[in-house]
Amino acid sequence: MTNPAYEIIGNKRDSRWLIACDHATNHVPDDICGGDLGLSSSEMNRHIAYDIGAAGVSRHLADLLDAPAILSCFSRLVIDPNRGADDPTLMMRVYDGTIIPGNRNADAVEIERRRVTYHEPYHAAYAELAAGRDDTIIVAVHSFTPKLNSRAPRPWHIGILYADWDTRLSEPLLAALGREPGLCVAGNEPYAGHLPGDAVDRHALQPGRPNALIEIRQDLIADEAGQKKWAELLSRALQEALAVSGI
């Protein structure tokens, strides 16, 4: 099932797991500046436009868990589906040192149009999928750049992000991943684990659903082989974590 704002994989799958990939693509729809935000292809292929490798991991992971998945169909630079509607970073004008020409002069009317056209339909579909069972578990798949401009390299292979008041899944998941040989894993790295109004807050924390936000370093999942490898690792770790969590 595909919509201009989202793609759903396996919507008939009856699984507790729901995989979400907020930053699946760098696509700019035609109604946004004619499909071109004014950036070069090299810039649009950077982490500023999407989470490199996250879509591939999400697809493979959904298949391995026989779970539904929802993926965005628009670049985070169009409007960010992982941000709350009132978040000042909902539409970025500058990201990691790059000015976004197509966003530079966008006014409040244009931001609202993008929100209504893309952001809200994505979240409406996400909410409907999550409500399909009363015991849904949210797994949000993201990826992070090995190094931001003018910042130190990031040593972690994977981070599990969570809110301090709900570690039902994240704690056993971190333990399971920590047993993987040679894996550099950390909690709430490379970012803090909770942002009010973001996608996990909206669809998991506020309704009380168990959840984990997974951040994988992009150089590890840049190709399909890496995406399959990490999906397999995560499938094992998630199922182990669920088995010991009691949720």
C-alpha atoms as a PDB file:
ATOM      1  CA  MET A   1       0.000   0.000   0.000  1.00  0.00           C
ATOM      2  CA  THR A   2       1.586   3.266  -1.142  1.00  0.00           C
ATOM      3  CA  ASN A   3       0.445   6.845  -0.579  1.00  0.00           C
ATOM      4  CA  PRO A   4       2.314  10.067  -1.533  1.00  0.00           C
ATOM      5  CA  ALA A   5       3.166  10.416   2.164  1.00  0.00           C
ATOM      6  CA  TYR A   6       3.904   6.812   3.135  1.00  0.00           C
ATOM      7  CA  GLU A   7       4.358   3.192   2.130  1.00  0.00           C
ATOM      8  CA  ILE A   8       2.989   0.317   4.211  1.00  0.00           C
ATOM      9  CA  ILE A   9       4.472  -3.151   3.984  1.00  0.00           C
ATOM     10  CA  GLY A  10       2.555  -6.168   5.247  1.00  0.00           C
ATOM     11  CA  ASN A  11      -0.465  -4.304   6.574  1.00  0.00           C
ATOM     12  CA  LYS A  12      -2.306  -7.641   6.925  1.00  0.00           C
ATOM     13  CA  ARG A  13       0.432  -9.185   9.067  1.00  0.00           C
ATOM     14  CA  ASP A  14      -0.840  -9.956  12.553  1.00  0.00           C
ATOM     15  CA  SER A  15       2.228  -9.218  14.659  1.00  0.00           C
ATOM     16  CA  ARG A  16       2.871  -7.334  17.877  1.00  0.00           C
ATOM     17  CA  TRP A  17       5.824  -5.663  16.188  1.00  0.00           C
ATOM     18  CA  LEU A  18       5.356  -2.486  14.148  1.00  0.00           C
ATOM     19  CA  ILE A  19       8.421  -1.214  12.302  1.00  0.00           C
ATOM     20  CA  ALA A  20       8.549   2.498  11.489  1.00  0.00           C
ATOM     21  CA  CYS A  21      11.070   4.287   9.283  1.00  0.00           C
ATOM     22  CA  ASP A  22      10.475   8.026   9.492  1.00  0.00           C
ATOM     23  CA  HIS A  23      13.401   9.036   7.286  1.00  0.00           C
ATOM     24  CA  ALA A  24      13.238   6.325   4.624  1.00  0.00           C
ATOM     25  CA  THR A  25      13.900   8.365   1.486  1.00  0.00           C
ATOM     26  CA  ASN A  26      15.448  11.509   0.019  1.00  0.00           C
ATOM     27  CA  HIS A  27      12.558  11.945  -2.442  1.00  0.00           C
ATOM     28  CA  VAL A  28      11.202  15.462  -2.983  1.00  0.00           C
ATOM     29  CA  PRO A  29       7.626  15.405  -4.373  1.00  0.00           C
ATOM     30  CA  ASP A  30       6.865  17.466  -7.471  1.00  0.00           C
ATOM     31  CA  ASP A  31       4.650  19.892  -5.559  1.00  0.00           C
ATOM     32  CA  ILE A  32       7.650  20.933  -3.435  1.00  0.00           C
ATOM     33  CA  CYS A  33       9.663  23.413  -5.512  1.00  0.00           C
ATOM     34  CA  GLY A  34       9.072  21.312  -8.623  1.00  0.00           C
ATOM     35  CA  GLY A  35      10.695  18.299  -6.962  1.00  0.00           C
ATOM     36  CA  ASP A  36      13.997  20.082  -6.379  1.00  0.00           C
ATOM     37  CA  LEU A  37      15.013  21.841  -3.166  1.00  0.00           C
ATOM     38  CA  GLY A  38      17.972  23.439  -4.936  1.00  0.00           C
ATOM     39  CA  LEU A  39      20.594  21.060  -3.569  1.00  0.00           C
ATOM     40  CA  SER A  40      23.087  19.057  -5.587  1.00  0.00           C
ATOM     41  CA  SER A  41      22.686  15.290  -5.847  1.00  0.00           C
ATOM     42  CA  SER A  42      25.693  14.863  -3.577  1.00  0.00           C
ATOM     43  CA  GLU A  43      23.965  16.913  -0.879  1.00  0.00           C
ATOM     44  CA  MET A  44      20.658  15.075  -1.346  1.00  0.00           C
ATOM     45  CA  ASN A  45      22.514  11.789  -0.897  1.00  0.00           C
ATOM     46  CA  ARG A  46      23.877  12.894   2.483  1.00  0.00           C
ATOM     47  CA  HIS A  47      22.366  12.191   5.870  1.00  0.00           C
ATOM     48  CA  ILE A  48      20.731  15.614   5.854  1.00  0.00           C
ATOM     49  CA  ALA A  49      18.088  14.397   3.380  1.00  0.00           C
ATOM     50  CA  TYR A  50      17.315  10.934   4.801  1.00  0.00           C
ATOM     51  CA  ASP A  51      18.564   8.118   7.012  1.00  0.00           C
ATOM     52  CA  ILE A  52      20.904   6.210   4.735  1.00  0.00           C
ATOM     53  CA  GLY A  53      20.280   2.460   4.845  1.00  0.00           C
ATOM     54  CA  ALA A  54      17.370   2.652   7.296  1.00  0.00           C
ATOM     55  CA  ALA A  55      14.702   1.763   4.733  1.00  0.00           C
ATOM     56  CA  GLY A  56      16.520  -1.400   3.669  1.00  0.00           C
ATOM     57  CA  VAL A  57      16.997  -2.504   7.277  1.00  0.00           C
ATOM     58  CA  SER A  58      13.325  -1.789   7.991  1.00  0.00           C
ATOM     59  CA  ARG A  59      12.096  -3.844   5.038  1.00  0.00           C
ATOM     60  CA  HIS A  60      14.268  -6.836   5.875  1.00  0.00           C
ATOM     61  CA  LEU A  61      13.465  -6.602   9.586  1.00  0.00           C
ATOM     62  CA  ALA A  62       9.724  -6.480   8.890  1.00  0.00           C
ATOM     63  CA  ASP A  63      10.022  -9.609   6.749  1.00  0.00           C
ATOM     64  CA  LEU A  64      12.066 -11.449   9.379  1.00  0.00           C
ATOM     65  CA  LEU A  65       9.578 -10.582  12.136  1.00  0.00           C
ATOM     66  CA  ASP A  66       6.567 -11.076   9.827  1.00  0.00           C
ATOM     67  CA  ALA A  67       5.527  -7.605  10.934  1.00  0.00           C
ATOM     68  CA  PRO A  68       3.959  -4.579   9.255  1.00  0.00           C
ATOM     69  CA  ALA A  69       6.129  -1.567   8.516  1.00  0.00           C
ATOM     70  CA  ILE A  70       5.468   2.050   7.607  1.00  0.00           C
ATOM     71  CA  LEU A  71       8.024   4.086   5.669  1.00  0.00           C
ATOM     72  CA  SER A  72       7.907   7.754   4.736  1.00  0.00           C
ATOM     73  CA  CYS A  73       7.795   8.664   1.025  1.00  0.00           C
ATOM     74  CA  PHE A  74       9.285  12.157   1.335  1.00  0.00           C
ATOM     75  CA  SER A  75      12.608  13.604   2.429  1.00  0.00           C
ATOM     76  CA  ARG A  76      13.051  14.887   5.946  1.00  0.00           C
ATOM     77  CA  LEU A  77      13.994  18.201   4.278  1.00  0.00           C
ATOM     78  CA  VAL A  78      10.448  18.543   2.912  1.00  0.00           C
ATOM     79  CA  ILE A  79       9.050  18.303   6.436  1.00  0.00           C
ATOM     80  CA  ASP A  80      10.326  16.050   9.183  1.00  0.00           C
ATOM     81  CA  PRO A  81       7.922  13.245  10.167  1.00  0.00           C
ATOM     82  CA  ASN A  82       9.963  12.578  13.289  1.00  0.00           C
ATOM     83  CA  ARG A  83       9.173  16.011  14.693  1.00  0.00           C
ATOM     84  CA  GLY A  84       6.115  17.325  16.458  1.00  0.00           C
ATOM     85  CA  ALA A  85       3.886  19.763  14.596  1.00  0.00           C
ATOM     86  CA  ASP A  86       5.054  22.670  16.784  1.00  0.00           C
ATOM     87  CA  ASP A  87       8.751  21.773  16.718  1.00  0.00           C
ATOM     88  CA  PRO A  88      10.952  24.600  15.336  1.00  0.00           C
ATOM     89  CA  THR A  89      12.968  21.996  13.395  1.00  0.00           C
ATOM     90  CA  LEU A  90       9.872  20.631  11.622  1.00  0.00           C
ATOM     91  CA  MET A  91      11.188  22.190   8.396  1.00  0.00           C
ATOM     92  CA  MET A  92      14.916  22.801   8.335  1.00  0.00           C
ATOM     93  CA  ARG A  93      16.376  25.817   6.552  1.00  0.00           C
ATOM     94  CA  VAL A  94      19.978  24.895   7.446  1.00  0.00           C
ATOM     95  CA  TYR A  95      21.161  21.388   8.284  1.00  0.00           C
ATOM     96  CA  ASP A  96      24.700  20.390   9.292  1.00  0.00           C
ATOM     97  CA  GLY A  97      26.089  23.512   7.662  1.00  0.00           C
ATOM     98  CA  THR A  98      24.082  23.241   4.416  1.00  0.00           C
ATOM     99  CA  ILE A  99      21.521  25.904   3.502  1.00  0.00           C
ATOM    100  CA  ILE A 100      18.367  24.399   1.978  1.00  0.00           C
ATOM    101  CA  PRO A 101      17.454  26.828  -0.866  1.00  0.00           C
ATOM    102  CA  GLY A 102      13.931  25.452  -1.340  1.00  0.00           C
ATOM    103  CA  ASN A 103      13.177  26.012   2.344  1.00  0.00           C
ATOM    104  CA  ARG A 104      14.953  29.289   2.865  1.00  0.00           C
ATOM    105  CA  ASN A 105      11.958  31.503   2.053  1.00  0.00           C
ATOM    106  CA  ALA A 106       9.129  29.101   2.873  1.00  0.00           C
ATOM    107  CA  ASP A 107       6.494  30.940   4.910  1.00  0.00           C
ATOM    108  CA  ALA A 108       4.067  29.669   7.529  1.00  0.00           C
ATOM    109  CA  VAL A 109       1.420  28.943   4.874  1.00  0.00           C
ATOM    110  CA  GLU A 110       3.810  26.707   2.942  1.00  0.00           C
ATOM    111  CA  ILE A 111       4.993  24.902   6.061  1.00  0.00           C
ATOM    112  CA  GLU A 112       1.371  24.221   7.027  1.00  0.00           C
ATOM    113  CA  ARG A 113       0.601  22.984   3.499  1.00  0.00           C
ATOM    114  CA  ARG A 114       3.481  20.518   3.726  1.00  0.00           C
ATOM    115  CA  ARG A 115       2.379  19.429   7.178  1.00  0.00           C
ATOM    116  CA  VAL A 116      -1.187  18.750   6.051  1.00  0.00           C
ATOM    117  CA  THR A 117      -0.113  17.050   2.802  1.00  0.00           C
ATOM    118  CA  TYR A 118       2.700  14.849   4.105  1.00  0.00           C
ATOM    119  CA  HIS A 119       3.302  14.963   7.849  1.00  0.00           C
ATOM    120  CA  GLU A 120      -0.257  14.350   9.059  1.00  0.00           C
ATOM    121  CA  PRO A 121      -1.186  11.587   6.556  1.00  0.00           C
ATOM    122  CA  TYR A 122       1.964   9.713   7.555  1.00  0.00           C
ATOM    123  CA  HIS A 123       1.059   9.952  11.228  1.00  0.00           C
ATOM    124  CA  ALA A 124      -2.591   9.077  10.640  1.00  0.00           C
ATOM    125  CA  ALA A 125      -1.539   5.865   8.873  1.00  0.00           C
ATOM    126  CA  TYR A 126       1.049   5.159  11.589  1.00  0.00           C
ATOM    127  CA  ALA A 127      -1.603   5.581  14.294  1.00  0.00           C
ATOM    128  CA  GLU A 128      -4.028   3.280  12.496  1.00  0.00           C
ATOM    129  CA  LEU A 129      -1.402   0.531  12.176  1.00  0.00           C
ATOM    130  CA  ALA A 130      -0.393   0.878  15.814  1.00  0.00           C
ATOM    131  CA  ALA A 131      -4.029   0.619  16.909  1.00  0.00           C
ATOM    132  CA  GLY A 132      -4.498  -2.638  15.020  1.00  0.00           C
ATOM    133  CA  ARG A 133      -3.672  -4.575  18.187  1.00  0.00           C
ATOM    134  CA  ASP A 134      -3.847  -3.685  21.847  1.00  0.00           C
ATOM    135  CA  ASP A 135      -0.327  -5.040  22.500  1.00  0.00           C
ATOM    136  CA  THR A 136       1.623  -3.326  19.702  1.00  0.00           C
ATOM    137  CA  ILE A 137       5.365  -2.814  20.153  1.00  0.00           C
ATOM    138  CA  ILE A 138       6.914   0.110  18.267  1.00  0.00           C
ATOM    139  CA  VAL A 139      10.381  -0.294  16.741  1.00  0.00           C
ATOM    140  CA  ALA A 140      11.595   2.888  15.026  1.00  0.00           C
ATOM    141  CA  VAL A 141      14.571   2.391  12.703  1.00  0.00           C
ATOM    142  CA  HIS A 142      16.949   5.287  12.069  1.00  0.00           C
ATOM    143  CA  SER A 143      20.576   5.730  11.076  1.00  0.00           C
ATOM    144  CA  PHE A 144      23.224   8.281  11.963  1.00  0.00           C
ATOM    145  CA  THR A 145      26.179   9.755  10.139  1.00  0.00           C
ATOM    146  CA  PRO A 146      29.608   8.598  11.360  1.00  0.00           C
ATOM    147  CA  LYS A 147      30.618  12.253  11.758  1.00  0.00           C
ATOM    148  CA  LEU A 148      28.900  15.622  11.733  1.00  0.00           C
ATOM    149  CA  ASN A 149      30.774  18.582  10.280  1.00  0.00           C
ATOM    150  CA  SER A 150      33.296  20.000  12.776  1.00  0.00           C
ATOM    151  CA  ARG A 151      32.482  17.242  15.287  1.00  0.00           C
ATOM    152  CA  ALA A 152      34.369  14.224  16.568  1.00  0.00           C
ATOM    153  CA  PRO A 153      33.830  10.819  14.904  1.00  0.00           C
ATOM    154  CA  ARG A 154      31.105   8.729  16.478  1.00  0.00           C
ATOM    155  CA  PRO A 155      32.448   5.376  17.714  1.00  0.00           C
ATOM    156  CA  TRP A 156      29.162   3.540  18.241  1.00  0.00           C
ATOM    157  CA  HIS A 157      27.919   0.925  15.798  1.00  0.00           C
ATOM    158  CA  ILE A 158      24.390   1.174  17.151  1.00  0.00           C
ATOM    159  CA  GLY A 159      22.478   3.166  19.727  1.00  0.00           C
ATOM    160  CA  ILE A 160      19.166   2.360  21.384  1.00  0.00           C
ATOM    161  CA  LEU A 161      17.202   5.480  22.294  1.00  0.00           C
ATOM    162  CA  TYR A 162      14.549   5.503  24.978  1.00  0.00           C
ATOM    163  CA  ALA A 163      12.754   7.648  27.528  1.00  0.00           C
ATOM    164  CA  ASP A 164      13.927   7.129  31.104  1.00  0.00           C
ATOM    165  CA  TRP A 165      10.418   6.228  32.299  1.00  0.00           C
ATOM    166  CA  ASP A 166       9.906   3.390  29.782  1.00  0.00           C
ATOM    167  CA  THR A 167      12.813   0.966  29.421  1.00  0.00           C
ATOM    168  CA  ARG A 168      10.700  -2.182  29.154  1.00  0.00           C
ATOM    169  CA  LEU A 169      12.090  -3.077  25.730  1.00  0.00           C
ATOM    170  CA  SER A 170      15.199  -0.924  25.474  1.00  0.00           C
ATOM    171  CA  GLU A 171      16.887  -2.320  28.580  1.00  0.00           C
ATOM    172  CA  PRO A 172      16.742  -6.008  27.559  1.00  0.00           C
ATOM    173  CA  LEU A 173      17.505  -5.031  23.965  1.00  0.00           C
ATOM    174  CA  LEU A 174      20.685  -3.249  25.036  1.00  0.00           C
ATOM    175  CA  ALA A 175      21.629  -6.328  27.065  1.00  0.00           C
ATOM    176  CA  ALA A 176      21.055  -8.625  24.088  1.00  0.00           C
ATOM    177  CA  LEU A 177      23.080  -6.431  21.749  1.00  0.00           C
ATOM    178  CA  GLY A 178      25.815  -6.078  24.357  1.00  0.00           C
ATOM    179  CA  ARG A 179      26.433  -9.802  24.103  1.00  0.00           C
ATOM    180  CA  GLU A 180      27.239  -9.534  20.393  1.00  0.00           C
ATOM    181  CA  PRO A 181      31.035  -9.887  19.910  1.00  0.00           C
ATOM    182  CA  GLY A 182      32.823  -6.694  18.898  1.00  0.00           C
ATOM    183  CA  LEU A 183      29.692  -4.551  18.867  1.00  0.00           C
ATOM    184  CA  CYS A 184      29.959  -0.993  20.197  1.00  0.00           C
ATOM    185  CA  VAL A 185      26.485  -0.279  21.530  1.00  0.00           C
ATOM    186  CA  ALA A 186      25.189   2.437  23.846  1.00  0.00           C
ATOM    187  CA  GLY A 187      21.946   3.746  25.274  1.00  0.00           C
ATOM    188  CA  ASN A 188      20.795   7.214  24.181  1.00  0.00           C
ATOM    189  CA  GLU A 189      23.692   7.735  21.786  1.00  0.00           C
ATOM    190  CA  PRO A 190      24.360   9.605  19.594  1.00  0.00           C
ATOM    191  CA  TYR A 191      21.302  11.566  20.752  1.00  0.00           C
ATOM    192  CA  ALA A 192      19.124  11.911  23.799  1.00  0.00           C
ATOM    193  CA  GLY A 193      16.319   9.391  23.879  1.00  0.00           C
ATOM    194  CA  HIS A 194      13.200  11.509  24.116  1.00  0.00           C
ATOM    195  CA  LEU A 195      11.902  14.567  22.299  1.00  0.00           C
ATOM    196  CA  PRO A 196       8.383  15.706  23.250  1.00  0.00           C
ATOM    197  CA  GLY A 197       5.998  15.411  20.320  1.00  0.00           C
ATOM    198  CA  ASP A 198       8.283  13.262  18.154  1.00  0.00           C
ATOM    199  CA  ALA A 199       7.039  10.104  16.443  1.00  0.00           C
ATOM    200  CA  VAL A 200       7.889   7.686  19.251  1.00  0.00           C
ATOM    201  CA  ASP A 201       6.429  10.046  21.825  1.00  0.00           C
ATOM    202  CA  ARG A 202       3.241  10.370  19.790  1.00  0.00           C
ATOM    203  CA  HIS A 203       2.697   6.714  18.889  1.00  0.00           C
ATOM    204  CA  ALA A 204       4.402   4.805  21.716  1.00  0.00           C
ATOM    205  CA  LEU A 205       5.098   6.810  24.863  1.00  0.00           C
ATOM    206  CA  GLN A 206       1.844   8.747  25.078  1.00  0.00           C
ATOM    207  CA  PRO A 207      -0.355   5.646  24.435  1.00  0.00           C
ATOM    208  CA  GLY A 208       1.875   3.531  26.718  1.00  0.00           C
ATOM    209  CA  ARG A 209       3.229   1.130  24.093  1.00  0.00           C
ATOM    210  CA  PRO A 210       6.593  -0.621  24.592  1.00  0.00           C
ATOM    211  CA  ASN A 211       9.157   0.811  22.210  1.00  0.00           C
ATOM    212  CA  ALA A 212      12.736   1.234  21.111  1.00  0.00           C
ATOM    213  CA  LEU A 213      14.290   3.713  18.717  1.00  0.00           C
ATOM    214  CA  ILE A 214      17.230   2.120  16.917  1.00  0.00           C
ATOM    215  CA  GLU A 215      20.071   4.207  15.473  1.00  0.00           C
ATOM    216  CA  ILE A 216      22.593   2.361  13.259  1.00  0.00           C
ATOM    217  CA  ARG A 217      25.751   3.995  11.929  1.00  0.00           C
ATOM    218  CA  GLN A 218      25.272   4.644   8.243  1.00  0.00           C
ATOM    219  CA  ASP A 219      28.555   3.266   6.933  1.00  0.00           C
ATOM    220  CA  LEU A 220      27.520  -0.150   8.275  1.00  0.00           C
ATOM    221  CA  ILE A 221      24.256  -0.277   6.310  1.00  0.00           C
ATOM    222  CA  ALA A 222      25.118   1.607   3.123  1.00  0.00           C
ATOM    223  CA  ASP A 223      24.578  -1.502   0.961  1.00  0.00           C
ATOM    224  CA  GLU A 224      22.077  -4.348   0.929  1.00  0.00           C
ATOM    225  CA  ALA A 225      24.489  -6.843   2.434  1.00  0.00           C
ATOM    226  CA  GLY A 226      24.940  -4.610   5.462  1.00  0.00           C
ATOM    227  CA  GLN A 227      21.219  -3.964   5.695  1.00  0.00           C
ATOM    228  CA  LYS A 228      20.425  -7.696   5.686  1.00  0.00           C
ATOM    229  CA  LYS A 229      23.151  -8.416   8.235  1.00  0.00           C
ATOM    230  CA  TRP A 230      21.858  -5.791  10.658  1.00  0.00           C
ATOM    231  CA  ALA A 231      18.230  -6.785  10.156  1.00  0.00           C
ATOM    232  CA  GLU A 232      19.126 -10.357  11.055  1.00  0.00           C
ATOM    233  CA  LEU A 233      21.044  -9.230  14.135  1.00  0.00           C
ATOM    234  CA  LEU A 234      18.183  -6.988  15.238  1.00  0.00           C
ATOM    235  CA  SER A 235      15.572  -9.667  14.638  1.00  0.00           C
ATOM    236  CA  ARG A 236      17.412 -12.023  16.974  1.00  0.00           C
ATOM    237  CA  ALA A 237      18.051  -9.344  19.592  1.00  0.00           C
ATOM    238  CA  LEU A 238      14.484  -8.010  19.558  1.00  0.00           C
ATOM    239  CA  GLN A 239      12.935 -11.446  19.936  1.00  0.00           C
ATOM    240  CA  GLU A 240      15.360 -12.271  22.757  1.00  0.00           C
ATOM    241  CA  ALA A 241      14.564  -8.973  24.458  1.00  0.00           C
ATOM    242  CA  LEU A 242      10.826  -9.559  24.171  1.00  0.00           C
ATOM    243  CA  ALA A 243      11.144 -13.083  25.593  1.00  0.00           C
ATOM    244  CA  VAL A 244      12.879 -11.872  28.757  1.00  0.00           C
ATOM    245  CA  SER A 245      10.986  -8.600  29.171  1.00  0.00           C
ATOM    246  CA  GLY A 246       7.647 -10.005  30.239  1.00  0.00           C
ATOM    247  CA  ILE A 247       5.766  -7.402  28.211  1.00  0.00           C
END
